[in-house]
N, C-alpha and C. Protein backbone atom coordinates (compact mmCIF):
# COMPACT_ATOMS: atom_id res chain seq x y z
N MET A 1 0.86 -1.20 0.00
CA MET A 1 0.00 0.00 0.00
C MET A 1 0.88 1.23 0.00
N ASN A 2 0.72 2.12 -0.98
CA ASN A 2 1.50 3.34 -1.07
C ASN A 2 0.66 4.51 -0.58
N PHE A 3 1.08 5.12 0.53
CA PHE A 3 0.29 6.18 1.13
C PHE A 3 0.64 7.56 0.60
N THR A 4 1.66 7.65 -0.30
CA THR A 4 2.09 8.93 -0.81
C THR A 4 0.97 9.59 -1.62
N PHE A 5 0.72 10.88 -1.31
CA PHE A 5 -0.30 11.65 -2.03
C PHE A 5 -1.65 10.92 -2.04
N PHE A 6 -2.02 10.37 -0.90
CA PHE A 6 -3.27 9.62 -0.80
C PHE A 6 -4.47 10.48 -1.20
N ILE A 7 -4.44 11.77 -0.85
CA ILE A 7 -5.57 12.65 -1.13
C ILE A 7 -5.86 12.74 -2.62
N SER A 8 -4.82 12.52 -3.47
CA SER A 8 -5.03 12.60 -4.92
C SER A 8 -5.97 11.52 -5.42
N ARG A 9 -6.13 10.45 -4.65
CA ARG A 9 -7.01 9.37 -5.08
C ARG A 9 -8.48 9.77 -5.03
N LEU A 10 -8.76 10.86 -4.32
CA LEU A 10 -10.14 11.34 -4.28
C LEU A 10 -10.62 11.72 -5.67
N ASN A 11 -9.71 12.25 -6.49
CA ASN A 11 -10.06 12.58 -7.88
C ASN A 11 -9.86 11.40 -8.81
N GLU A 12 -8.80 10.62 -8.57
CA GLU A 12 -8.47 9.52 -9.47
C GLU A 12 -9.44 8.35 -9.34
N ASN A 13 -9.77 8.01 -8.10
CA ASN A 13 -10.65 6.86 -7.85
C ASN A 13 -11.45 7.14 -6.58
N PRO A 14 -12.48 8.00 -6.68
CA PRO A 14 -13.21 8.42 -5.48
C PRO A 14 -13.87 7.27 -4.71
N SER A 15 -14.36 6.26 -5.41
CA SER A 15 -15.01 5.15 -4.71
C SER A 15 -14.01 4.39 -3.85
N MET A 16 -12.78 4.16 -4.38
CA MET A 16 -11.76 3.48 -3.60
C MET A 16 -11.33 4.32 -2.41
N TYR A 17 -11.22 5.63 -2.62
CA TYR A 17 -10.85 6.55 -1.54
C TYR A 17 -11.88 6.48 -0.41
N ILE A 18 -13.15 6.55 -0.76
CA ILE A 18 -14.22 6.52 0.25
C ILE A 18 -14.25 5.18 0.96
N MET A 19 -14.07 4.10 0.22
CA MET A 19 -14.07 2.78 0.85
C MET A 19 -12.93 2.64 1.85
N TRP A 20 -11.73 3.10 1.45
CA TRP A 20 -10.57 3.01 2.35
C TRP A 20 -10.81 3.81 3.63
N VAL A 21 -11.24 5.06 3.49
CA VAL A 21 -11.48 5.91 4.65
C VAL A 21 -12.54 5.30 5.56
N THR A 22 -13.61 4.80 4.97
CA THR A 22 -14.70 4.22 5.76
C THR A 22 -14.24 2.98 6.53
N VAL A 23 -13.54 2.09 5.84
CA VAL A 23 -13.11 0.85 6.48
C VAL A 23 -12.07 1.13 7.56
N VAL A 24 -11.16 2.06 7.31
CA VAL A 24 -10.15 2.40 8.32
C VAL A 24 -10.82 2.96 9.56
N MET A 25 -11.72 3.90 9.39
CA MET A 25 -12.43 4.49 10.53
C MET A 25 -13.17 3.43 11.33
N PHE A 26 -13.93 2.60 10.63
CA PHE A 26 -14.71 1.57 11.31
C PHE A 26 -13.80 0.61 12.07
N SER A 27 -12.71 0.18 11.45
CA SER A 27 -11.81 -0.80 12.06
C SER A 27 -11.10 -0.24 13.28
N ILE A 28 -10.64 1.01 13.18
CA ILE A 28 -9.96 1.63 14.32
C ILE A 28 -10.93 1.85 15.47
N CYS A 29 -12.12 2.33 15.15
CA CYS A 29 -13.12 2.57 16.20
C CYS A 29 -13.50 1.27 16.92
N PHE A 30 -13.66 0.20 16.16
CA PHE A 30 -13.99 -1.09 16.78
C PHE A 30 -12.83 -1.59 17.63
N HIS A 31 -11.62 -1.39 17.15
CA HIS A 31 -10.41 -1.75 17.90
C HIS A 31 -10.40 -1.02 19.25
N GLU A 32 -10.62 0.30 19.22
CA GLU A 32 -10.56 1.09 20.45
C GLU A 32 -11.76 0.80 21.36
N TYR A 33 -12.92 0.58 20.76
CA TYR A 33 -14.09 0.20 21.56
C TYR A 33 -13.81 -1.08 22.35
N SER A 34 -13.13 -2.03 21.71
CA SER A 34 -12.82 -3.30 22.36
C SER A 34 -11.89 -3.09 23.55
N HIS A 35 -10.92 -2.18 23.41
CA HIS A 35 -10.08 -1.83 24.56
C HIS A 35 -10.93 -1.30 25.71
N ALA A 36 -11.80 -0.33 25.38
CA ALA A 36 -12.60 0.33 26.40
C ALA A 36 -13.54 -0.65 27.09
N TYR A 37 -14.18 -1.51 26.32
CA TYR A 37 -15.12 -2.48 26.88
C TYR A 37 -14.40 -3.48 27.78
N THR A 38 -13.27 -3.99 27.31
CA THR A 38 -12.52 -4.97 28.11
C THR A 38 -11.99 -4.34 29.38
N ALA A 39 -11.52 -3.10 29.30
CA ALA A 39 -11.04 -2.39 30.49
C ALA A 39 -12.16 -2.26 31.52
N LEU A 40 -13.37 -1.94 31.05
CA LEU A 40 -14.52 -1.84 31.95
C LEU A 40 -14.80 -3.17 32.63
N ARG A 41 -14.75 -4.25 31.87
CA ARG A 41 -14.98 -5.59 32.44
C ARG A 41 -13.88 -5.99 33.41
N GLN A 42 -12.70 -5.40 33.25
CA GLN A 42 -11.58 -5.73 34.13
C GLN A 42 -11.44 -4.74 35.29
N GLY A 43 -12.40 -3.85 35.45
CA GLY A 43 -12.41 -2.99 36.63
C GLY A 43 -12.07 -1.54 36.40
N ASP A 44 -11.64 -1.17 35.19
CA ASP A 44 -11.28 0.22 34.93
C ASP A 44 -12.35 0.88 34.07
N SER A 45 -13.08 1.80 34.65
CA SER A 45 -14.17 2.47 33.93
C SER A 45 -13.74 3.81 33.33
N THR A 46 -12.44 4.09 33.33
CA THR A 46 -11.94 5.38 32.86
C THR A 46 -12.41 5.68 31.43
N ALA A 47 -12.17 4.76 30.53
CA ALA A 47 -12.55 4.96 29.13
C ALA A 47 -14.06 5.10 28.99
N ALA A 48 -14.81 4.28 29.71
CA ALA A 48 -16.28 4.35 29.65
C ALA A 48 -16.78 5.70 30.16
N GLU A 49 -16.18 6.19 31.24
CA GLU A 49 -16.58 7.47 31.81
C GLU A 49 -16.29 8.63 30.86
N GLN A 50 -15.28 8.47 30.01
CA GLN A 50 -14.91 9.52 29.07
C GLN A 50 -15.54 9.32 27.69
N GLY A 51 -16.54 8.42 27.63
CA GLY A 51 -17.35 8.29 26.42
C GLY A 51 -16.78 7.40 25.34
N HIS A 52 -15.86 6.48 25.69
CA HIS A 52 -15.22 5.66 24.67
C HIS A 52 -15.95 4.34 24.38
N LEU A 53 -17.09 4.14 25.00
CA LEU A 53 -17.91 2.99 24.60
C LEU A 53 -18.81 3.43 23.45
N THR A 54 -18.17 3.75 22.35
CA THR A 54 -18.86 4.30 21.19
C THR A 54 -18.07 3.96 19.93
N MET A 55 -18.74 4.07 18.79
CA MET A 55 -18.07 3.89 17.51
C MET A 55 -17.88 5.25 16.81
N ASN A 56 -17.97 6.32 17.57
CA ASN A 56 -17.83 7.67 17.02
C ASN A 56 -16.34 7.96 16.75
N PRO A 57 -15.95 8.18 15.48
CA PRO A 57 -14.55 8.44 15.16
C PRO A 57 -13.98 9.67 15.84
N LEU A 58 -14.81 10.70 16.07
CA LEU A 58 -14.32 11.91 16.73
C LEU A 58 -13.86 11.61 18.15
N VAL A 59 -14.49 10.63 18.79
CA VAL A 59 -14.11 10.24 20.14
C VAL A 59 -12.93 9.27 20.12
N GLN A 60 -13.03 8.24 19.31
CA GLN A 60 -12.02 7.17 19.32
C GLN A 60 -10.72 7.57 18.61
N MET A 61 -10.81 8.44 17.61
CA MET A 61 -9.64 8.80 16.82
C MET A 61 -9.18 10.23 17.07
N GLY A 62 -10.12 11.15 17.15
CA GLY A 62 -9.78 12.56 17.31
C GLY A 62 -9.69 13.26 15.97
N THR A 63 -9.82 14.58 15.99
CA THR A 63 -9.86 15.36 14.76
C THR A 63 -8.58 15.26 13.96
N PHE A 64 -7.43 15.39 14.62
CA PHE A 64 -6.15 15.37 13.90
C PHE A 64 -5.93 14.03 13.21
N SER A 65 -6.26 12.94 13.90
CA SER A 65 -6.10 11.61 13.33
C SER A 65 -6.99 11.44 12.10
N ILE A 66 -8.21 11.97 12.15
CA ILE A 66 -9.12 11.88 11.01
C ILE A 66 -8.59 12.69 9.83
N VAL A 67 -8.05 13.88 10.11
CA VAL A 67 -7.48 14.71 9.06
C VAL A 67 -6.30 13.99 8.40
N MET A 68 -5.46 13.35 9.20
CA MET A 68 -4.34 12.60 8.65
C MET A 68 -4.83 11.46 7.77
N LEU A 69 -5.90 10.81 8.18
CA LEU A 69 -6.48 9.74 7.37
C LEU A 69 -6.94 10.28 6.02
N LEU A 70 -7.60 11.41 6.02
CA LEU A 70 -8.14 11.97 4.78
C LEU A 70 -7.03 12.41 3.83
N PHE A 71 -5.90 12.85 4.38
CA PHE A 71 -4.84 13.40 3.53
C PHE A 71 -3.76 12.39 3.16
N ILE A 72 -3.37 11.52 4.13
CA ILE A 72 -2.27 10.60 3.82
C ILE A 72 -2.67 9.13 3.91
N GLY A 73 -3.90 8.86 4.37
CA GLY A 73 -4.39 7.49 4.32
C GLY A 73 -4.09 6.64 5.53
N ILE A 74 -3.40 7.18 6.52
CA ILE A 74 -3.10 6.41 7.73
C ILE A 74 -3.65 7.15 8.94
N SER A 75 -3.95 6.41 9.99
CA SER A 75 -4.58 7.02 11.15
C SER A 75 -4.34 6.15 12.37
N TRP A 76 -4.93 6.56 13.49
CA TRP A 76 -4.74 5.85 14.75
C TRP A 76 -5.86 6.23 15.70
N GLY A 77 -5.91 5.55 16.83
CA GLY A 77 -6.88 5.86 17.87
C GLY A 77 -6.27 5.60 19.22
N ALA A 78 -6.98 5.98 20.27
CA ALA A 78 -6.47 5.75 21.63
C ALA A 78 -7.61 5.86 22.62
N VAL A 79 -7.52 5.06 23.68
CA VAL A 79 -8.46 5.18 24.80
C VAL A 79 -7.65 5.29 26.08
N PRO A 80 -8.15 6.05 27.05
CA PRO A 80 -7.43 6.20 28.32
C PRO A 80 -7.62 4.96 29.20
N ILE A 81 -6.53 4.45 29.74
CA ILE A 81 -6.57 3.29 30.62
C ILE A 81 -5.86 3.64 31.92
N ASN A 82 -6.51 3.40 33.03
CA ASN A 82 -5.89 3.58 34.36
C ASN A 82 -5.55 2.20 34.89
N ARG A 83 -4.30 1.81 34.71
CA ARG A 83 -3.89 0.45 35.07
C ARG A 83 -4.01 0.17 36.57
N GLY A 84 -4.00 1.22 37.36
CA GLY A 84 -4.15 1.05 38.81
C GLY A 84 -5.52 0.57 39.21
N ARG A 85 -6.50 0.69 38.33
CA ARG A 85 -7.87 0.27 38.65
C ARG A 85 -8.18 -1.13 38.13
N LEU A 86 -7.27 -1.73 37.38
CA LEU A 86 -7.50 -3.07 36.84
C LEU A 86 -7.40 -4.11 37.96
N ARG A 87 -8.23 -5.14 37.87
CA ARG A 87 -8.38 -6.09 38.98
C ARG A 87 -7.24 -7.10 39.09
N HIS A 88 -6.75 -7.60 37.97
CA HIS A 88 -5.83 -8.74 38.00
C HIS A 88 -4.49 -8.37 37.37
N LYS A 89 -3.50 -9.18 37.66
CA LYS A 89 -2.18 -8.90 37.10
C LYS A 89 -2.13 -9.11 35.59
N TYR A 90 -3.07 -9.91 35.08
CA TYR A 90 -3.11 -10.15 33.64
C TYR A 90 -4.05 -9.18 32.92
N SER A 91 -4.74 -8.32 33.68
CA SER A 91 -5.76 -7.44 33.08
C SER A 91 -5.17 -6.49 32.05
N ASP A 92 -4.00 -5.94 32.33
CA ASP A 92 -3.38 -5.00 31.40
C ASP A 92 -3.12 -5.66 30.05
N ALA A 93 -2.58 -6.88 30.09
CA ALA A 93 -2.31 -7.62 28.85
C ALA A 93 -3.62 -7.96 28.14
N LEU A 94 -4.64 -8.31 28.90
CA LEU A 94 -5.93 -8.67 28.31
C LEU A 94 -6.57 -7.46 27.62
N VAL A 95 -6.51 -6.31 28.28
CA VAL A 95 -7.07 -5.09 27.69
C VAL A 95 -6.31 -4.74 26.41
N SER A 96 -4.99 -4.86 26.44
CA SER A 96 -4.18 -4.56 25.26
C SER A 96 -4.47 -5.53 24.12
N PHE A 97 -4.66 -6.81 24.46
CA PHE A 97 -4.89 -7.83 23.45
C PHE A 97 -6.28 -7.72 22.82
N ALA A 98 -7.21 -7.09 23.53
CA ALA A 98 -8.58 -6.99 23.05
C ALA A 98 -8.68 -6.24 21.73
N GLY A 99 -7.87 -5.21 21.54
CA GLY A 99 -7.91 -4.44 20.30
C GLY A 99 -7.48 -5.26 19.10
N PRO A 100 -6.29 -5.86 19.13
CA PRO A 100 -5.88 -6.71 18.02
C PRO A 100 -6.84 -7.87 17.75
N MET A 101 -7.41 -8.45 18.81
CA MET A 101 -8.35 -9.55 18.60
C MET A 101 -9.62 -9.05 17.91
N ALA A 102 -10.00 -7.81 18.17
CA ALA A 102 -11.14 -7.22 17.45
C ALA A 102 -10.83 -7.16 15.96
N ASN A 103 -9.57 -6.87 15.63
CA ASN A 103 -9.17 -6.83 14.22
C ASN A 103 -9.17 -8.23 13.60
N VAL A 104 -8.82 -9.24 14.38
CA VAL A 104 -8.90 -10.61 13.88
C VAL A 104 -10.34 -10.97 13.56
N LEU A 105 -11.26 -10.60 14.44
CA LEU A 105 -12.68 -10.87 14.21
C LEU A 105 -13.16 -10.18 12.93
N LEU A 106 -12.80 -8.90 12.77
CA LEU A 106 -13.18 -8.18 11.56
C LEU A 106 -12.53 -8.79 10.32
N PHE A 107 -11.29 -9.22 10.45
CA PHE A 107 -10.59 -9.87 9.34
C PHE A 107 -11.35 -11.09 8.86
N LEU A 108 -11.77 -11.94 9.78
CA LEU A 108 -12.51 -13.14 9.42
C LEU A 108 -13.88 -12.81 8.81
N ILE A 109 -14.54 -11.81 9.39
CA ILE A 109 -15.86 -11.41 8.88
C ILE A 109 -15.73 -10.86 7.46
N PHE A 110 -14.75 -10.01 7.23
CA PHE A 110 -14.56 -9.45 5.89
C PHE A 110 -14.19 -10.53 4.87
N CYS A 111 -13.35 -11.47 5.28
CA CYS A 111 -13.01 -12.58 4.38
C CYS A 111 -14.25 -13.39 4.02
N LEU A 112 -15.07 -13.66 5.02
CA LEU A 112 -16.29 -14.43 4.78
C LEU A 112 -17.26 -13.67 3.88
N MET A 113 -17.40 -12.37 4.14
CA MET A 113 -18.31 -11.55 3.33
C MET A 113 -17.81 -11.44 1.89
N PHE A 114 -16.50 -11.37 1.71
CA PHE A 114 -15.94 -11.33 0.37
C PHE A 114 -16.26 -12.63 -0.37
N THR A 115 -16.09 -13.76 0.30
CA THR A 115 -16.35 -15.06 -0.31
C THR A 115 -17.81 -15.20 -0.70
N ILE A 116 -18.71 -14.81 0.20
CA ILE A 116 -20.14 -14.89 -0.08
C ILE A 116 -20.52 -13.97 -1.24
N SER A 117 -19.98 -12.75 -1.21
CA SER A 117 -20.28 -11.79 -2.27
C SER A 117 -19.79 -12.28 -3.63
N ARG A 118 -18.58 -12.83 -3.66
CA ARG A 118 -18.03 -13.30 -4.94
C ARG A 118 -18.78 -14.51 -5.48
N ASN A 119 -19.22 -15.39 -4.58
CA ASN A 119 -19.85 -16.63 -5.02
C ASN A 119 -21.34 -16.49 -5.31
N HIS A 120 -21.99 -15.49 -4.69
CA HIS A 120 -23.45 -15.45 -4.80
C HIS A 120 -24.01 -14.15 -5.36
N PHE A 121 -23.28 -13.05 -5.22
CA PHE A 121 -23.83 -11.77 -5.66
C PHE A 121 -23.00 -11.12 -6.77
N ASP A 122 -21.70 -11.32 -6.72
CA ASP A 122 -20.79 -10.79 -7.75
C ASP A 122 -20.96 -9.28 -7.92
N ILE A 123 -20.97 -8.55 -6.81
CA ILE A 123 -21.02 -7.09 -6.85
C ILE A 123 -19.62 -6.57 -6.60
N THR A 124 -19.00 -6.04 -7.63
CA THR A 124 -17.58 -5.68 -7.58
C THR A 124 -17.27 -4.70 -6.46
N THR A 125 -18.12 -3.70 -6.28
CA THR A 125 -17.86 -2.68 -5.25
C THR A 125 -17.79 -3.29 -3.87
N PHE A 126 -18.73 -4.17 -3.56
CA PHE A 126 -18.72 -4.84 -2.27
C PHE A 126 -17.48 -5.71 -2.11
N GLN A 127 -17.12 -6.41 -3.16
CA GLN A 127 -15.95 -7.27 -3.10
C GLN A 127 -14.69 -6.46 -2.80
N GLN A 128 -14.56 -5.31 -3.43
CA GLN A 128 -13.41 -4.45 -3.18
C GLN A 128 -13.37 -3.99 -1.73
N MET A 129 -14.52 -3.57 -1.21
CA MET A 129 -14.59 -3.08 0.16
C MET A 129 -14.27 -4.19 1.15
N PHE A 130 -14.83 -5.38 0.91
CA PHE A 130 -14.57 -6.49 1.82
C PHE A 130 -13.10 -6.92 1.79
N LEU A 131 -12.50 -6.87 0.60
CA LEU A 131 -11.09 -7.24 0.48
C LEU A 131 -10.19 -6.21 1.17
N ILE A 132 -10.54 -4.94 1.02
CA ILE A 132 -9.81 -3.90 1.75
C ILE A 132 -9.93 -4.13 3.25
N GLY A 133 -11.15 -4.42 3.71
CA GLY A 133 -11.37 -4.66 5.14
C GLY A 133 -10.57 -5.84 5.66
N ALA A 134 -10.52 -6.91 4.88
CA ALA A 134 -9.77 -8.10 5.30
C ALA A 134 -8.28 -7.79 5.39
N THR A 135 -7.74 -7.19 4.34
CA THR A 135 -6.30 -6.90 4.31
C THR A 135 -5.93 -5.89 5.39
N LEU A 136 -6.72 -4.85 5.55
CA LEU A 136 -6.43 -3.83 6.55
C LEU A 136 -6.42 -4.41 7.96
N ASN A 137 -7.41 -5.23 8.28
CA ASN A 137 -7.49 -5.75 9.64
C ASN A 137 -6.43 -6.81 9.92
N ALA A 138 -6.01 -7.54 8.90
CA ALA A 138 -4.86 -8.44 9.07
C ALA A 138 -3.62 -7.61 9.38
N PHE A 139 -3.46 -6.51 8.65
CA PHE A 139 -2.32 -5.61 8.89
C PHE A 139 -2.37 -5.02 10.29
N LEU A 140 -3.55 -4.54 10.70
CA LEU A 140 -3.67 -3.92 12.03
C LEU A 140 -3.35 -4.90 13.14
N PHE A 141 -3.77 -6.16 12.98
CA PHE A 141 -3.43 -7.16 13.99
C PHE A 141 -1.93 -7.38 14.06
N ILE A 142 -1.30 -7.62 12.91
CA ILE A 142 0.13 -7.91 12.87
C ILE A 142 0.93 -6.72 13.41
N PHE A 143 0.58 -5.52 12.94
CA PHE A 143 1.32 -4.34 13.34
C PHE A 143 1.17 -4.07 14.84
N ASN A 144 -0.06 -4.11 15.34
CA ASN A 144 -0.30 -3.79 16.75
C ASN A 144 0.27 -4.83 17.70
N MET A 145 0.50 -6.05 17.21
CA MET A 145 1.05 -7.09 18.07
C MET A 145 2.59 -7.11 18.08
N LEU A 146 3.21 -6.19 17.36
CA LEU A 146 4.67 -6.09 17.45
C LEU A 146 5.06 -5.68 18.86
N PRO A 147 6.07 -6.31 19.44
CA PRO A 147 6.48 -5.99 20.82
C PRO A 147 7.26 -4.68 20.89
N ILE A 148 6.57 -3.60 20.56
CA ILE A 148 7.18 -2.28 20.51
C ILE A 148 6.44 -1.37 21.48
N PRO A 149 7.16 -0.59 22.28
CA PRO A 149 6.49 0.36 23.18
C PRO A 149 5.51 1.24 22.41
N MET A 150 4.40 1.54 23.05
CA MET A 150 3.30 2.34 22.49
C MET A 150 2.34 1.48 21.66
N LEU A 151 2.70 0.25 21.35
CA LEU A 151 1.77 -0.65 20.66
C LEU A 151 1.23 -1.68 21.64
N ASP A 152 0.09 -2.28 21.28
CA ASP A 152 -0.54 -3.25 22.17
C ASP A 152 0.35 -4.44 22.45
N GLY A 153 1.12 -4.84 21.46
CA GLY A 153 1.97 -6.02 21.63
C GLY A 153 2.97 -5.88 22.75
N TRP A 154 3.40 -4.66 23.04
CA TRP A 154 4.38 -4.46 24.12
C TRP A 154 3.82 -4.92 25.46
N ASN A 155 2.57 -4.54 25.76
CA ASN A 155 1.97 -4.94 27.04
C ASN A 155 1.70 -6.43 27.09
N VAL A 156 1.33 -7.01 25.96
CA VAL A 156 1.09 -8.46 25.93
C VAL A 156 2.39 -9.22 26.16
N PHE A 157 3.43 -8.86 25.43
CA PHE A 157 4.71 -9.54 25.58
C PHE A 157 5.36 -9.23 26.92
N ARG A 158 5.08 -8.05 27.46
CA ARG A 158 5.62 -7.70 28.78
C ARG A 158 5.03 -8.60 29.86
N PHE A 159 3.78 -9.02 29.67
CA PHE A 159 3.18 -9.96 30.62
C PHE A 159 3.77 -11.35 30.47
N ILE A 160 4.02 -11.77 29.22
CA ILE A 160 4.57 -13.10 28.95
C ILE A 160 6.05 -13.16 29.33
N PHE A 161 6.76 -12.07 29.05
CA PHE A 161 8.20 -12.00 29.35
C PHE A 161 8.44 -10.84 30.31
N PRO A 162 8.32 -11.07 31.62
CA PRO A 162 8.41 -9.99 32.62
C PRO A 162 9.72 -9.21 32.57
N ARG A 163 10.77 -9.78 32.02
CA ARG A 163 12.04 -9.06 31.97
C ARG A 163 11.98 -7.80 31.11
N LEU A 164 10.99 -7.74 30.24
CA LEU A 164 10.82 -6.53 29.43
C LEU A 164 10.54 -5.31 30.31
N GLU A 165 10.03 -5.56 31.53
CA GLU A 165 9.79 -4.47 32.47
C GLU A 165 11.09 -3.74 32.81
N GLN A 166 12.21 -4.46 32.70
CA GLN A 166 13.49 -3.89 33.09
C GLN A 166 14.10 -2.98 32.02
N VAL A 167 13.52 -2.98 30.83
CA VAL A 167 14.03 -2.11 29.77
C VAL A 167 13.73 -0.66 30.14
N ASN A 168 14.77 0.17 30.18
CA ASN A 168 14.55 1.55 30.62
C ASN A 168 13.86 2.38 29.54
N SER A 169 13.35 3.52 29.95
CA SER A 169 12.53 4.36 29.07
C SER A 169 13.31 4.88 27.87
N GLU A 170 14.60 5.16 28.03
CA GLU A 170 15.40 5.67 26.92
C GLU A 170 15.49 4.64 25.79
N ILE A 171 15.70 3.38 26.16
CA ILE A 171 15.77 2.33 25.16
C ILE A 171 14.41 2.13 24.49
N ARG A 172 13.34 2.18 25.29
CA ARG A 172 12.00 2.03 24.72
C ARG A 172 11.69 3.15 23.74
N ASN A 173 12.03 4.38 24.11
CA ASN A 173 11.77 5.52 23.23
C ASN A 173 12.60 5.43 21.95
N ALA A 174 13.85 5.00 22.09
CA ALA A 174 14.72 4.87 20.92
C ALA A 174 14.18 3.80 19.97
N LEU A 175 13.73 2.68 20.56
CA LEU A 175 13.18 1.59 19.75
C LEU A 175 11.95 2.05 19.00
N THR A 176 11.07 2.76 19.68
CA THR A 176 9.86 3.27 19.04
C THR A 176 10.21 4.22 17.90
N PHE A 177 11.15 5.12 18.13
CA PHE A 177 11.56 6.08 17.10
C PHE A 177 12.13 5.37 15.87
N ILE A 178 12.98 4.36 16.11
CA ILE A 178 13.59 3.62 15.00
C ILE A 178 12.53 2.92 14.16
N ILE A 179 11.56 2.30 14.82
CA ILE A 179 10.51 1.59 14.09
C ILE A 179 9.66 2.56 13.27
N ILE A 180 9.34 3.70 13.85
CA ILE A 180 8.54 4.70 13.12
C ILE A 180 9.29 5.17 11.88
N VAL A 181 10.58 5.43 12.03
CA VAL A 181 11.40 5.86 10.89
C VAL A 181 11.44 4.78 9.81
N LEU A 182 11.60 3.52 10.24
CA LEU A 182 11.65 2.42 9.28
C LEU A 182 10.35 2.32 8.49
N PHE A 183 9.22 2.52 9.17
CA PHE A 183 7.94 2.43 8.48
C PHE A 183 7.71 3.60 7.55
N LEU A 184 8.23 4.77 7.91
CA LEU A 184 7.99 5.96 7.10
C LEU A 184 8.98 6.11 5.95
N MET A 185 10.20 5.63 6.15
CA MET A 185 11.28 5.90 5.20
C MET A 185 11.69 4.70 4.36
N THR A 186 11.14 3.54 4.63
CA THR A 186 11.51 2.34 3.89
C THR A 186 10.24 1.65 3.38
N PRO A 187 10.39 0.65 2.50
CA PRO A 187 9.20 -0.09 2.00
C PRO A 187 8.65 -1.10 3.01
N LEU A 188 9.06 -1.02 4.27
CA LEU A 188 8.67 -2.03 5.25
C LEU A 188 7.15 -2.14 5.36
N ILE A 189 6.46 -1.01 5.34
CA ILE A 189 5.01 -1.06 5.48
C ILE A 189 4.36 -1.77 4.30
N ASN A 190 4.98 -1.64 3.11
CA ASN A 190 4.47 -2.35 1.93
C ASN A 190 4.62 -3.86 2.08
N TYR A 191 5.74 -4.29 2.69
CA TYR A 191 5.94 -5.73 2.93
C TYR A 191 4.88 -6.26 3.89
N PHE A 192 4.56 -5.48 4.91
CA PHE A 192 3.52 -5.88 5.86
C PHE A 192 2.18 -6.01 5.16
N PHE A 193 1.88 -5.06 4.27
CA PHE A 193 0.61 -5.13 3.55
C PHE A 193 0.60 -6.29 2.57
N GLY A 194 1.75 -6.54 1.95
CA GLY A 194 1.82 -7.68 1.04
C GLY A 194 1.55 -8.98 1.76
N PHE A 195 2.12 -9.13 2.95
CA PHE A 195 1.87 -10.34 3.74
C PHE A 195 0.41 -10.41 4.16
N SER A 196 -0.17 -9.27 4.51
CA SER A 196 -1.58 -9.23 4.91
C SER A 196 -2.49 -9.63 3.75
N GLN A 197 -2.15 -9.20 2.54
CA GLN A 197 -2.93 -9.60 1.36
C GLN A 197 -2.82 -11.09 1.11
N THR A 198 -1.62 -11.63 1.29
CA THR A 198 -1.43 -13.08 1.12
C THR A 198 -2.25 -13.85 2.14
N LEU A 199 -2.22 -13.38 3.39
CA LEU A 199 -2.98 -14.04 4.44
C LEU A 199 -4.48 -13.98 4.15
N SER A 200 -4.94 -12.84 3.65
CA SER A 200 -6.35 -12.72 3.28
C SER A 200 -6.72 -13.72 2.20
N GLY A 201 -5.85 -13.86 1.20
CA GLY A 201 -6.12 -14.82 0.13
C GLY A 201 -6.21 -16.24 0.63
N ILE A 202 -5.35 -16.61 1.58
CA ILE A 202 -5.37 -17.97 2.14
C ILE A 202 -6.69 -18.24 2.85
N VAL A 203 -7.12 -17.29 3.68
CA VAL A 203 -8.36 -17.48 4.44
C VAL A 203 -9.57 -17.48 3.51
N ILE A 204 -9.56 -16.61 2.50
CA ILE A 204 -10.66 -16.57 1.54
C ILE A 204 -10.76 -17.90 0.78
N ASN A 205 -9.63 -18.44 0.39
CA ASN A 205 -9.63 -19.74 -0.29
C ASN A 205 -10.16 -20.84 0.63
N PHE A 206 -9.84 -20.73 1.91
CA PHE A 206 -10.35 -21.70 2.89
C PHE A 206 -11.88 -21.60 3.00
N PHE A 207 -12.39 -20.38 3.05
CA PHE A 207 -13.84 -20.18 3.10
C PHE A 207 -14.51 -20.65 1.81
N ASP A 208 -13.80 -20.50 0.70
CA ASP A 208 -14.33 -21.00 -0.58
C ASP A 208 -14.59 -22.49 -0.52
N ILE A 209 -13.66 -23.21 0.12
CA ILE A 209 -13.81 -24.66 0.24
C ILE A 209 -14.99 -25.01 1.14
N LEU A 210 -15.13 -24.26 2.23
CA LEU A 210 -16.22 -24.53 3.17
C LEU A 210 -17.57 -24.20 2.58
N ILE A 211 -17.64 -23.09 1.83
CA ILE A 211 -18.94 -22.62 1.30
C ILE A 211 -19.20 -23.20 -0.09
């Protein structure tokens, strides 16, 4: 996926532009909603009290994130978590894992919907949207599960490997900066998307056999 001059696609291919923006918004909002809901179930109502039990992009993503999505095609979301209010020692990892697992659920649903659409309705627009949704959510799961500070995977792996707690903040910040630079300045993000597309194809073929 090439995010350069994403806004130009509004003129070149408006339907694809709208589909991408819509699917990204929906997927991020569902990801963040899952964090907020799981945190509430684990004893922390901070996100719920601040209105994050919603699919509203203005709440889950924020204005600046939405503007970035419209102009460059990438975006993000966040919910407030008060780890001191969580009930169990595994709650932090569970709350962090809830977001990526929401993307896995969406990935499977989009793959299934693509298969059904291709086999029974053959509506090209729907097929494109479902394929975008499948690939995007596979990417979001893989990316968010990287054991990098500021991503969900860091808290999950920190629970599995407690020694990660000993990594000081300077090293964590440096690691985060390096990864961001690699994603922005190299084709690394394209490789991740390529793998996500391959994974989507495998699951779609599996659903083809079942259906």
